[in-house]
PDB file of N, CA and C in Angstrom:
ATOM      1  N   MET A   1      25.099  10.925  -6.115  1.00  0.00           N
ATOM      2  CA  MET A   1      24.768   9.635  -5.520  1.00  0.00           C
ATOM      3  C   MET A   1      24.097   8.770  -6.586  1.00  0.00           C
ATOM      4  N   SER A   2      24.565   7.533  -6.736  1.00  0.00           N
ATOM      5  CA  SER A   2      23.988   6.652  -7.742  1.00  0.00           C
ATOM      6  C   SER A   2      22.564   6.263  -7.349  1.00  0.00           C
ATOM      7  N   SER A   3      21.832   5.753  -8.329  1.00  0.00           N
ATOM      8  CA  SER A   3      20.441   5.383  -8.057  1.00  0.00           C
ATOM      9  C   SER A   3      20.349   4.243  -7.043  1.00  0.00           C
ATOM     10  N   VAL A   4      21.290   3.283  -7.097  1.00  0.00           N
ATOM     11  CA  VAL A   4      21.254   2.174  -6.132  1.00  0.00           C
ATOM     12  C   VAL A   4      21.544   2.695  -4.727  1.00  0.00           C
ATOM     13  N   ARG A   5      22.474   3.613  -4.611  1.00  0.00           N
ATOM     14  CA  ARG A   5      22.766   4.204  -3.294  1.00  0.00           C
ATOM     15  C   ARG A   5      21.553   4.977  -2.775  1.00  0.00           C
ATOM     16  N   SER A   6      20.875   5.689  -3.661  1.00  0.00           N
ATOM     17  CA  SER A   6      19.667   6.429  -3.255  1.00  0.00           C
ATOM     18  C   SER A   6      18.572   5.473  -2.801  1.00  0.00           C
ATOM     19  N   LEU A   7      18.392   4.383  -3.545  1.00  0.00           N
ATOM     20  CA  LEU A   7      17.382   3.394  -3.169  1.00  0.00           C
ATOM     21  C   LEU A   7      17.744   2.691  -1.869  1.00  0.00           C
ATOM     22  N   THR A   8      19.035   2.455  -1.669  1.00  0.00           N
ATOM     23  CA  THR A   8      19.496   1.842  -0.425  1.00  0.00           C
ATOM     24  C   THR A   8      19.186   2.759   0.758  1.00  0.00           C
ATOM     25  N   CYS A   9      19.465   4.032   0.592  1.00  0.00           N
ATOM     26  CA  CYS A   9      19.170   5.022   1.629  1.00  0.00           C
ATOM     27  C   CYS A   9      17.657   5.082   1.876  1.00  0.00           C
ATOM     28  N   PHE A  10      16.875   5.112   0.813  1.00  0.00           N
ATOM     29  CA  PHE A  10      15.417   5.145   0.922  1.00  0.00           C
ATOM     30  C   PHE A  10      14.905   3.931   1.699  1.00  0.00           C
ATOM     31  N   SER A  11      15.373   2.743   1.318  1.00  0.00           N
ATOM     32  CA  SER A  11      14.944   1.524   1.998  1.00  0.00           C
ATOM     33  C   SER A  11      15.329   1.569   3.473  1.00  0.00           C
ATOM     34  N   GLY A  12      16.539   2.017   3.756  1.00  0.00           N
ATOM     35  CA  GLY A  12      16.982   2.107   5.143  1.00  0.00           C
ATOM     36  C   GLY A  12      16.086   2.991   5.978  1.00  0.00           C
ATOM     37  N   VAL A  13      15.773   4.162   5.453  1.00  0.00           N
ATOM     38  CA  VAL A  13      14.924   5.112   6.190  1.00  0.00           C
ATOM     39  C   VAL A  13      13.514   4.557   6.355  1.00  0.00           C
ATOM     40  N   ILE A  14      12.962   3.991   5.288  1.00  0.00           N
ATOM     41  CA  ILE A  14      11.610   3.415   5.350  1.00  0.00           C
ATOM     42  C   ILE A  14      11.528   2.352   6.442  1.00  0.00           C
ATOM     43  N   PHE A  15      12.530   1.464   6.482  1.00  0.00           N
ATOM     44  CA  PHE A  15      12.467   0.386   7.472  1.00  0.00           C
ATOM     45  C   PHE A  15      12.759   0.864   8.887  1.00  0.00           C
ATOM     46  N   LEU A  16      13.523   1.924   9.036  1.00  0.00           N
ATOM     47  CA  LEU A  16      13.666   2.512  10.368  1.00  0.00           C
ATOM     48  C   LEU A  16      12.314   3.058  10.845  1.00  0.00           C
ATOM     49  N   ILE A  17      11.598   3.706   9.930  1.00  0.00           N
ATOM     50  CA  ILE A  17      10.266   4.232  10.272  1.00  0.00           C
ATOM     51  C   ILE A  17       9.308   3.094  10.599  1.00  0.00           C
ATOM     52  N   TYR A  18       9.242   2.073   9.720  1.00  0.00           N
ATOM     53  CA  TYR A  18       8.354   0.940   9.975  1.00  0.00           C
ATOM     54  C   TYR A  18       8.719   0.216  11.269  1.00  0.00           C
ATOM     55  N   GLY A  19      10.022   0.106  11.545  1.00  0.00           N
ATOM     56  CA  GLY A  19      10.456  -0.552  12.772  1.00  0.00           C
ATOM     57  C   GLY A  19       9.947   0.169  14.004  1.00  0.00           C
ATOM     58  N   VAL A  20      10.055   1.493  14.004  1.00  0.00           N
ATOM     59  CA  VAL A  20       9.544   2.285  15.131  1.00  0.00           C
ATOM     60  C   VAL A  20       8.025   2.152  15.220  1.00  0.00           C
ATOM     61  N   LEU A  21       7.354   2.175  14.072  1.00  0.00           N
ATOM     62  CA  LEU A  21       5.896   2.056  14.070  1.00  0.00           C
ATOM     63  C   LEU A  21       5.423   0.726  14.658  1.00  0.00           C
ATOM     64  N   CYS A  22       6.224  -0.331  14.486  1.00  0.00           N
ATOM     65  CA  CYS A  22       5.848  -1.624  15.080  1.00  0.00           C
ATOM     66  C   CYS A  22       5.689  -1.517  16.592  1.00  0.00           C
ATOM     67  N   PHE A  23       6.433  -0.614  17.211  1.00  0.00           N
ATOM     68  CA  PHE A  23       6.374  -0.451  18.658  1.00  0.00           C
ATOM     69  C   PHE A  23       5.274   0.515  19.099  1.00  0.00           C
ATOM     70  N   TYR A  24       4.952   1.499  18.259  1.00  0.00           N
ATOM     71  CA  TYR A  24       4.097   2.596  18.725  1.00  0.00           C
ATOM     72  C   TYR A  24       2.778   2.786  17.963  1.00  0.00           C
ATOM     73  N   SER A  25       2.612   2.153  16.823  1.00  0.00           N
ATOM     74  CA  SER A  25       1.417   2.367  16.015  1.00  0.00           C
ATOM     75  C   SER A  25       0.286   1.424  16.426  1.00  0.00           C
ATOM     76  N   VAL A  26      -0.834   2.008  16.800  1.00  0.00           N
ATOM     77  CA  VAL A  26      -2.013   1.215  17.157  1.00  0.00           C
ATOM     78  C   VAL A  26      -2.501   0.450  15.930  1.00  0.00           C
ATOM     79  N   SER A  27      -2.406   1.067  14.763  1.00  0.00           N
ATOM     80  CA  SER A  27      -2.817   0.408  13.523  1.00  0.00           C
ATOM     81  C   SER A  27      -2.002  -0.859  13.275  1.00  0.00           C
ATOM     82  N   MET A  28      -0.686  -0.780  13.467  1.00  0.00           N
ATOM     83  CA  MET A  28       0.151  -1.973  13.284  1.00  0.00           C
ATOM     84  C   MET A  28      -0.146  -3.014  14.350  1.00  0.00           C
ATOM     85  N   GLU A  29      -0.358  -2.548  15.560  1.00  0.00           N
ATOM     86  CA  GLU A  29      -0.711  -3.473  16.640  1.00  0.00           C
ATOM     87  C   GLU A  29      -2.003  -4.214  16.283  1.00  0.00           C
ATOM     88  N   ASN A  30      -2.978  -3.493  15.761  1.00  0.00           N
ATOM     89  CA  ASN A  30      -4.247  -4.109  15.359  1.00  0.00           C
ATOM     90  C   ASN A  30      -4.047  -5.103  14.218  1.00  0.00           C
ATOM     91  N   ASP A  31      -3.180  -4.754  13.247  1.00  0.00           N
ATOM     92  CA  ASP A  31      -2.913  -5.675  12.136  1.00  0.00           C
ATOM     93  C   ASP A  31      -2.295  -6.975  12.644  1.00  0.00           C
ATOM     94  N   PHE A  32      -1.283  -6.887  13.495  1.00  0.00           N
ATOM     95  CA  PHE A  32      -0.656  -8.096  14.019  1.00  0.00           C
ATOM     96  C   PHE A  32      -1.668  -8.932  14.807  1.00  0.00           C
ATOM     97  N   HIS A  33      -2.554  -8.265  15.536  1.00  0.00           N
ATOM     98  CA  HIS A  33      -3.598  -8.984  16.272  1.00  0.00           C
ATOM     99  C   HIS A  33      -4.551  -9.685  15.290  1.00  0.00           C
ATOM    100  N   ARG A  34      -4.950  -8.969  14.251  1.00  0.00           N
ATOM    101  CA  ARG A  34      -5.856  -9.541  13.244  1.00  0.00           C
ATOM    102  C   ARG A  34      -5.221 -10.740  12.556  1.00  0.00           C
ATOM    103  N   PHE A  35      -3.906 -10.693  12.347  1.00  0.00           N
ATOM    104  CA  PHE A  35      -3.196 -11.806  11.710  1.00  0.00           C
ATOM    105  C   PHE A  35      -3.004 -12.978  12.668  1.00  0.00           C
ATOM    106  N   GLY A  36      -3.268 -12.747  13.967  1.00  0.00           N
ATOM    107  CA  GLY A  36      -3.006 -13.780  14.964  1.00  0.00           C
ATOM    108  C   GLY A  36      -1.520 -13.915  15.262  1.00  0.00           C
ATOM    109  N   LEU A  37      -0.785 -12.827  15.056  1.00  0.00           N
ATOM    110  CA  LEU A  37       0.668 -12.845  15.209  1.00  0.00           C
ATOM    111  C   LEU A  37       1.153 -11.789  16.211  1.00  0.00           C
ATOM    112  N   ASP A  38       0.358 -11.567  17.257  1.00  0.00           N
ATOM    113  CA  ASP A  38       0.713 -10.556  18.265  1.00  0.00           C
ATOM    114  C   ASP A  38       2.144 -10.740  18.774  1.00  0.00           C
ATOM    115  N   ILE A  39       2.526 -11.976  18.969  1.00  0.00           N
ATOM    116  CA  ILE A  39       3.827 -12.284  19.556  1.00  0.00           C
ATOM    117  C   ILE A  39       4.990 -11.884  18.625  1.00  0.00           C
ATOM    118  N   LEU A  40       4.707 -11.699  17.341  1.00  0.00           N
ATOM    119  CA  LEU A  40       5.765 -11.364  16.378  1.00  0.00           C
ATOM    120  C   LEU A  40       5.900  -9.868  16.094  1.00  0.00           C
ATOM    121  N   ARG A  41       5.057  -9.046  16.694  1.00  0.00           N
ATOM    122  CA  ARG A  41       5.114  -7.604  16.412  1.00  0.00           C
ATOM    123  C   ARG A  41       6.443  -6.991  16.851  1.00  0.00           C
ATOM    124  N   VAL A  42       6.849  -7.243  18.073  1.00  0.00           N
ATOM    125  CA  VAL A  42       8.107  -6.669  18.572  1.00  0.00           C
ATOM    126  C   VAL A  42       9.318  -7.251  17.822  1.00  0.00           C
ATOM    127  N   PRO A  43       9.421  -8.589  17.650  1.00  0.00           N
ATOM    128  CA  PRO A  43      10.552  -9.103  16.869  1.00  0.00           C
ATOM    129  C   PRO A  43      10.595  -8.561  15.438  1.00  0.00           C
ATOM    130  N   THR A  44       9.430  -8.352  14.834  1.00  0.00           N
ATOM    131  CA  THR A  44       9.382  -7.780  13.487  1.00  0.00           C
ATOM    132  C   THR A  44       9.924  -6.357  13.504  1.00  0.00           C
ATOM    133  N   GLY A  45       9.530  -5.585  14.511  1.00  0.00           N
ATOM    134  CA  GLY A  45      10.043  -4.223  14.643  1.00  0.00           C
ATOM    135  C   GLY A  45      11.555  -4.200  14.806  1.00  0.00           C
ATOM    136  N   VAL A  46      12.070  -5.124  15.607  1.00  0.00           N
ATOM    137  CA  VAL A  46      13.520  -5.207  15.807  1.00  0.00           C
ATOM    138  C   VAL A  46      14.208  -5.562  14.495  1.00  0.00           C
ATOM    139  N   LEU A  47      13.664  -6.535  13.764  1.00  0.00           N
ATOM    140  CA  LEU A  47      14.254  -6.923  12.471  1.00  0.00           C
ATOM    141  C   LEU A  47      14.226  -5.769  11.481  1.00  0.00           C
ATOM    142  N   GLU A  48      13.134  -5.017  11.467  1.00  0.00           N
ATOM    143  CA  GLU A  48      13.048  -3.870  10.561  1.00  0.00           C
ATOM    144  C   GLU A  48      14.053  -2.783  10.951  1.00  0.00           C
ATOM    145  N   LEU A  49      14.221  -2.542  12.244  1.00  0.00           N
ATOM    146  CA  LEU A  49      15.225  -1.564  12.693  1.00  0.00           C
ATOM    147  C   LEU A  49      16.634  -2.029  12.350  1.00  0.00           C
ATOM    148  N   LEU A  50      16.915  -3.302  12.553  1.00  0.00           N
ATOM    149  CA  LEU A  50      18.234  -3.840  12.200  1.00  0.00           C
ATOM    150  C   LEU A  50      18.467  -3.770  10.694  1.00  0.00           C
ATOM    151  N   GLY A  51      17.449  -4.154   9.933  1.00  0.00           N
ATOM    152  CA  GLY A  51      17.581  -4.111   8.476  1.00  0.00           C
ATOM    153  C   GLY A  51      17.757  -2.703   7.949  1.00  0.00           C
ATOM    154  N   GLY A  52      16.968  -1.779   8.473  1.00  0.00           N
ATOM    155  CA  GLY A  52      17.089  -0.383   8.051  1.00  0.00           C
ATOM    156  C   GLY A  52      18.446   0.190   8.404  1.00  0.00           C
ATOM    157  N   SER A  53      18.924  -0.122   9.611  1.00  0.00           N
ATOM    158  CA  SER A  53      20.254   0.339  10.026  1.00  0.00           C
ATOM    159  C   SER A  53      21.332  -0.282   9.147  1.00  0.00           C
ATOM    160  N   GLY A  54      21.166  -1.556   8.858  1.00  0.00           N
ATOM    161  CA  GLY A  54      22.128  -2.250   8.007  1.00  0.00           C
ATOM    162  C   GLY A  54      22.209  -1.660   6.610  1.00  0.00           C
ATOM    163  N   MET A  55      21.067  -1.239   6.093  1.00  0.00           N
ATOM    164  CA  MET A  55      21.069  -0.613   4.765  1.00  0.00           C
ATOM    165  C   MET A  55      21.883   0.679   4.796  1.00  0.00           C
ATOM    166  N   LEU A  56      21.716   1.465   5.839  1.00  0.00           N
ATOM    167  CA  LEU A  56      22.455   2.726   5.944  1.00  0.00           C
ATOM    168  C   LEU A  56      23.943   2.479   6.207  1.00  0.00           C
ATOM    169  N   ILE A  57      24.250   1.497   7.039  1.00  0.00           N
ATOM    170  CA  ILE A  57      25.644   1.120   7.260  1.00  0.00           C
ATOM    171  C   ILE A  57      26.260   0.621   5.954  1.00  0.00           C
ATOM    172  N   GLY A  58      25.425  -0.050   5.162  1.00  0.00           N
ATOM    173  CA  GLY A  58      25.879  -0.592   3.879  1.00  0.00           C
ATOM    174  C   GLY A  58      26.316   0.458   2.879  1.00  0.00           C
ATOM    175  N   LEU A  59      25.949   1.707   3.111  1.00  0.00           N
ATOM    176  CA  LEU A  59      26.432   2.771   2.230  1.00  0.00           C
ATOM    177  C   LEU A  59      27.947   2.919   2.351  1.00  0.00           C
ATOM    178  N   LYS A  60      28.504   2.482   3.482  1.00  0.00           N
ATOM    179  CA  LYS A  60      29.952   2.542   3.704  1.00  0.00           C
ATOM    180  C   LYS A  60      30.606   1.154   3.735  1.00  0.00           C
ATOM    181  N   TRP A  61      29.838   0.133   4.102  1.00  0.00           N
ATOM    182  CA  TRP A  61      30.376  -1.224   4.228  1.00  0.00           C
ATOM    183  C   TRP A  61      29.449  -2.186   3.473  1.00  0.00           C
ATOM    184  N   GLN A  62      29.821  -2.521   2.248  1.00  0.00           N
ATOM    185  CA  GLN A  62      28.993  -3.267   1.294  1.00  0.00           C
ATOM    186  C   GLN A  62      28.348  -4.543   1.847  1.00  0.00           C
ATOM    187  N   PRO A  63      29.048  -5.379   2.606  1.00  0.00           N
ATOM    188  CA  PRO A  63      28.400  -6.605   3.096  1.00  0.00           C
ATOM    189  C   PRO A  63      27.117  -6.356   3.892  1.00  0.00           C
ATOM    190  N   ALA A  64      27.024  -5.220   4.548  1.00  0.00           N
ATOM    191  CA  ALA A  64      25.804  -4.914   5.308  1.00  0.00           C
ATOM    192  C   ALA A  64      24.606  -4.759   4.379  1.00  0.00           C
ATOM    193  N   VAL A  65      24.823  -4.235   3.180  1.00  0.00           N
ATOM    194  CA  VAL A  65      23.714  -4.117   2.206  1.00  0.00           C
ATOM    195  C   VAL A  65      23.250  -5.504   1.788  1.00  0.00           C
ATOM    196  N   TRP A  66      24.183  -6.393   1.514  1.00  0.00           N
ATOM    197  CA  TRP A  66      23.806  -7.738   1.069  1.00  0.00           C
ATOM    198  C   TRP A  66      22.999  -8.465   2.141  1.00  0.00           C
ATOM    199  N   ILE A  67      23.456  -8.391   3.363  1.00  0.00           N
ATOM    200  CA  ILE A  67      22.775  -9.067   4.472  1.00  0.00           C
ATOM    201  C   ILE A  67      21.405  -8.431   4.713  1.00  0.00           C
ATOM    202  N   SER A  68      21.379  -7.105   4.793  1.00  0.00           N
ATOM    203  CA  SER A  68      20.138  -6.402   5.123  1.00  0.00           C
ATOM    204  C   SER A  68      19.103  -6.493   4.012  1.00  0.00           C
ATOM    205  N   SER A  69      19.526  -6.308   2.774  1.00  0.00           N
ATOM    206  CA  SER A  69      18.551  -6.362   1.672  1.00  0.00           C
ATOM    207  C   SER A  69      17.967  -7.764   1.531  1.00  0.00           C
ATOM    208  N   THR A  70      18.784  -8.784   1.766  1.00  0.00           N
ATOM    209  CA  THR A  70      18.270 -10.166   1.726  1.00  0.00           C
ATOM    210  C   THR A  70      17.246 -10.377   2.834  1.00  0.00           C
ATOM    211  N   GLY A  71      17.600  -9.989   4.047  1.00  0.00           N
ATOM    212  CA  GLY A  71      16.688 -10.163   5.175  1.00  0.00           C
ATOM    213  C   GLY A  71      15.392  -9.393   5.016  1.00  0.00           C
ATOM    214  N   LEU A  72      15.501  -8.155   4.546  1.00  0.00           N
ATOM    215  CA  LEU A  72      14.298  -7.338   4.371  1.00  0.00           C
ATOM    216  C   LEU A  72      13.427  -7.864   3.239  1.00  0.00           C
ATOM    217  N   ALA A  73      14.044  -8.374   2.174  1.00  0.00           N
ATOM    218  CA  ALA A  73      13.259  -8.956   1.076  1.00  0.00           C
ATOM    219  C   ALA A  73      12.483 -10.178   1.577  1.00  0.00           C
ATOM    220  N   VAL A  74      13.133 -11.013   2.367  1.00  0.00           N
ATOM    221  CA  VAL A  74      12.457 -12.194   2.922  1.00  0.00           C
ATOM    222  C   VAL A  74      11.335 -11.764   3.865  1.00  0.00           C
ATOM    223  N   LEU A  75      11.612 -10.790   4.711  1.00  0.00           N
ATOM    224  CA  LEU A  75      10.595 -10.290   5.641  1.00  0.00           C
ATOM    225  C   LEU A  75       9.371  -9.764   4.886  1.00  0.00           C
ATOM    226  N   MET A  76       9.608  -9.045   3.800  1.00  0.00           N
ATOM    227  CA  MET A  76       8.492  -8.491   3.024  1.00  0.00           C
ATOM    228  C   MET A  76       7.773  -9.565   2.209  1.00  0.00           C
ATOM    229  N   LEU A  77       8.486 -10.615   1.800  1.00  0.00           N
ATOM    230  CA  LEU A  77       7.831 -11.748   1.141  1.00  0.00           C
ATOM    231  C   LEU A  77       6.858 -12.406   2.106  1.00  0.00           C
ATOM    232  N   ILE A  78       7.296 -12.593   3.344  1.00  0.00           N
ATOM    233  CA  ILE A  78       6.422 -13.173   4.367  1.00  0.00           C
ATOM    234  C   ILE A  78       5.226 -12.254   4.627  1.00  0.00           C
ATOM    235  N   ALA A  79       5.487 -10.949   4.731  1.00  0.00           N
ATOM    236  CA  ALA A  79       4.400  -9.987   4.965  1.00  0.00           C
ATOM    237  C   ALA A  79       3.392 -10.025   3.825  1.00  0.00           C
ATOM    238  N   PHE A  80       3.888 -10.089   2.589  1.00  0.00           N
ATOM    239  CA  PHE A  80       2.990 -10.151   1.439  1.00  0.00           C
ATOM    240  C   PHE A  80       2.165 -11.441   1.469  1.00  0.00           C
ATOM    241  N   GLY A  81       2.809 -12.552   1.809  1.00  0.00           N
ATOM    242  CA  GLY A  81       2.088 -13.830   1.908  1.00  0.00           C
ATOM    243  C   GLY A  81       0.999 -13.787   2.963  1.00  0.00           C
ATOM    244  N   ILE A  82       1.298 -13.162   4.090  1.00  0.00           N
ATOM    245  CA  ILE A  82       0.296 -13.035   5.151  1.00  0.00           C
ATOM    246  C   ILE A  82      -0.875 -12.182   4.670  1.00  0.00           C
ATOM    247  N   ARG A  83      -0.558 -11.072   4.011  1.00  0.00           N
ATOM    248  CA  ARG A  83      -1.628 -10.205   3.486  1.00  0.00           C
ATOM    249  C   ARG A  83      -2.506 -10.965   2.489  1.00  0.00           C
ATOM    250  N   MET A  84      -1.894 -11.780   1.644  1.00  0.00           N
ATOM    251  CA  MET A  84      -2.667 -12.562   0.672  1.00  0.00           C
ATOM    252  C   MET A  84      -3.532 -13.595   1.391  1.00  0.00           C
ATOM    253  N   ARG A  85      -2.950 -14.243   2.392  1.00  0.00           N
ATOM    254  CA  ARG A  85      -3.702 -15.245   3.154  1.00  0.00           C
ATOM    255  C   ARG A  85      -4.915 -14.627   3.838  1.00  0.00           C
ATOM    256  N   MET A  86      -4.750 -13.366   4.296  1.00  0.00           N
ATOM    257  CA  MET A  86      -5.844 -12.676   4.968  1.00  0.00           C
ATOM    258  C   MET A  86      -6.824 -12.052   3.974  1.00  0.00           C
ATOM    259  N   ARG A  87      -6.514 -12.184   2.701  1.00  0.00           N
ATOM    260  CA  ARG A  87      -7.339 -11.626   1.629  1.00  0.00           C
ATOM    261  C   ARG A  87      -7.460 -10.100   1.727  1.00  0.00           C
ATOM    262  N   ASP A  88      -6.378  -9.466   2.141  1.00  0.00           N
ATOM    263  CA  ASP A  88      -6.330  -8.001   2.157  1.00  0.00           C
ATOM    264  C   ASP A  88      -6.309  -7.511   0.712  1.00  0.00           C
ATOM    265  N   GLY A  89      -6.791  -6.329   0.501  1.00  0.00           N
ATOM    266  CA  GLY A  89      -6.855  -5.776  -0.842  1.00  0.00           C
ATOM    267  C   GLY A  89      -5.479  -5.434  -1.396  1.00  0.00           C
ATOM    268  N   VAL A  90      -5.460  -5.153  -2.688  1.00  0.00           N
ATOM    269  CA  VAL A  90      -4.221  -4.828  -3.388  1.00  0.00           C
ATOM    270  C   VAL A  90      -3.555  -3.591  -2.786  1.00  0.00           C
ATOM    271  N   ALA A  91      -4.334  -2.573  -2.501  1.00  0.00           N
ATOM    272  CA  ALA A  91      -3.769  -1.323  -1.976  1.00  0.00           C
ATOM    273  C   ALA A  91      -3.039  -1.545  -0.657  1.00  0.00           C
ATOM    274  N   VAL A  92      -3.546  -2.429   0.178  1.00  0.00           N
ATOM    275  CA  VAL A  92      -2.932  -2.703   1.476  1.00  0.00           C
ATOM    276  C   VAL A  92      -1.736  -3.652   1.317  1.00  0.00           C
ATOM    277  N   SER A  93      -1.804  -4.543   0.348  1.00  0.00           N
ATOM    278  CA  SER A  93      -0.763  -5.555   0.151  1.00  0.00           C
ATOM    279  C   SER A  93       0.406  -5.061  -0.692  1.00  0.00           C
ATOM    280  N   LEU A  94       0.169  -4.086  -1.532  1.00  0.00           N
ATOM    281  CA  LEU A  94       1.178  -3.628  -2.484  1.00  0.00           C
ATOM    282  C   LEU A  94       2.470  -3.111  -1.845  1.00  0.00           C
ATOM    283  N   PRO A  95       2.418  -2.357  -0.741  1.00  0.00           N
ATOM    284  CA  PRO A  95       3.680  -1.878  -0.158  1.00  0.00           C
ATOM    285  C   PRO A  95       4.669  -3.005   0.177  1.00  0.00           C
ATOM    286  N   SER A  96       4.189  -4.103   0.737  1.00  0.00           N
ATOM    287  CA  SER A  96       5.104  -5.199   1.067  1.00  0.00           C
ATOM    288  C   SER A  96       5.704  -5.813  -0.194  1.00  0.00           C
ATOM    289  N   LEU A  97       4.909  -5.942  -1.249  1.00  0.00           N
ATOM    290  CA  LEU A  97       5.424  -6.484  -2.511  1.00  0.00           C
ATOM    291  C   LEU A  97       6.458  -5.543  -3.117  1.00  0.00           C
ATOM    292  N   VAL A  98       6.153  -4.256  -3.141  1.00  0.00           N
ATOM    293  CA  VAL A  98       7.080  -3.265  -3.710  1.00  0.00           C
ATOM    294  C   VAL A  98       8.382  -3.227  -2.909  1.00  0.00           C
ATOM    295  N   LEU A  99       8.294  -3.258  -1.585  1.00  0.00           N
ATOM    296  CA  LEU A  99       9.502  -3.232  -0.762  1.00  0.00           C
ATOM    297  C   LEU A  99      10.310  -4.513  -0.911  1.00  0.00           C
ATOM    298  N   MET A 100       9.639  -5.641  -1.119  1.00  0.00           N
ATOM    299  CA  MET A 100      10.362  -6.886  -1.380  1.00  0.00           C
ATOM    300  C   MET A 100      11.144  -6.765  -2.692  1.00  0.00           C
ATOM    301  N   LEU A 101      10.475  -6.308  -3.739  1.00  0.00           N
ATOM    302  CA  LEU A 101      11.126  -6.168  -5.042  1.00  0.00           C
ATOM    303  C   LEU A 101      12.238  -5.130  -5.001  1.00  0.00           C
ATOM    304  N   LEU A 102      12.014  -4.045  -4.275  1.00  0.00           N
ATOM    305  CA  LEU A 102      13.039  -3.012  -4.141  1.00  0.00           C
ATOM    306  C   LEU A 102      14.303  -3.585  -3.503  1.00  0.00           C
ATOM    307  N   ASN A 103      14.144  -4.340  -2.429  1.00  0.00           N
ATOM    308  CA  ASN A 103      15.307  -4.896  -1.753  1.00  0.00           C
ATOM    309  C   ASN A 103      15.980  -5.994  -2.563  1.00  0.00           C
ATOM    310  N   LEU A 104      15.228  -6.734  -3.341  1.00  0.00           N
ATOM    311  CA  LEU A 104      15.841  -7.695  -4.265  1.00  0.00           C
ATOM    312  C   LEU A 104      16.657  -6.965  -5.326  1.00  0.00           C
ATOM    313  N   TYR A 105      16.116  -5.885  -5.851  1.00  0.00           N
ATOM    314  CA  TYR A 105      16.830  -5.073  -6.842  1.00  0.00           C
ATOM    315  C   TYR A 105      18.130  -4.527  -6.249  1.00  0.00           C
ATOM    316  N   ILE A 106      18.054  -3.995  -5.044  1.00  0.00           N
ATOM    317  CA  ILE A 106      19.244  -3.469  -4.375  1.00  0.00           C
ATOM    318  C   ILE A 106      20.271  -4.575  -4.197  1.00  0.00           C
ATOM    319  N   LEU A 107      19.832  -5.751  -3.784  1.00  0.00           N
ATOM    320  CA  LEU A 107      20.743  -6.883  -3.585  1.00  0.00           C
ATOM    321  C   LEU A 107      21.442  -7.250  -4.890  1.00  0.00           C
ATOM    322  N   ILE A 108      20.668  -7.380  -5.952  1.00  0.00           N
ATOM    323  CA  ILE A 108      21.233  -7.765  -7.255  1.00  0.00           C
ATOM    324  C   ILE A 108      22.205  -6.703  -7.756  1.00  0.00           C
ATOM    325  N   LYS A 109      21.785  -5.457  -7.744  1.00  0.00           N
ATOM    326  CA  LYS A 109      22.626  -4.385  -8.268  1.00  0.00           C
ATOM    327  C   LYS A 109      23.872  -4.163  -7.413  1.00  0.00           C
ATOM    328  N   SER A 110      23.752  -4.293  -6.106  1.00  0.00           N
ATOM    329  CA  SER A 110      24.915  -4.074  -5.247  1.00  0.00           C
ATOM    330  C   SER A 110      25.887  -5.252  -5.342  1.00  0.00           C
ATOM    331  N   SER A 111      25.401  -6.416  -5.748  1.00  0.00           N
ATOM    332  CA  SER A 111      26.271  -7.578  -5.919  1.00  0.00           C
ATOM    333  C   SER A 111      27.058  -7.516  -7.214  1.00  0.00           C
ATOM    334  N   GLU A 112      26.599  -6.714  -8.171  1.00  0.00           N
ATOM    335  CA  GLU A 112      27.277  -6.589  -9.467  1.00  0.00           C
ATOM    336  C   GLU A 112      28.551  -5.777  -9.371  1.00  0.00           C
ATOM    337  N   ARG A 113      28.670  -4.954  -8.341  1.00  0.00           N
ATOM    338  CA  ARG A 113      29.842  -4.087  -8.211  1.00  0.00           C
ATOM    339  C   ARG A 113      31.055  -4.801  -7.723  1.00  0.00           C
TER     340      ARG A 113
END
């Protein structure tokens, strides 16, 4: 399996996990409340589940990777911006930045093929 395919699979699984956590994690519920974005917790979870599924589907159907990696990169850019606005520390903010960059990398590399 190529490194881009491995990263695509990794991103897909990570976002499936995060998507489920949006529905069931008290910690995530508290974060959305602290951000003043309670109403966006469920839609965010749905977007993460769709994006994660799309990444895995993209292992067989390339357009799904392009759509999903773009959407997930944008979602993580927004998450990183919110974390910065809330003045969260680097350790808490770094995952969203890394996942944004990862999905941008996947998008660029998968578009080269």
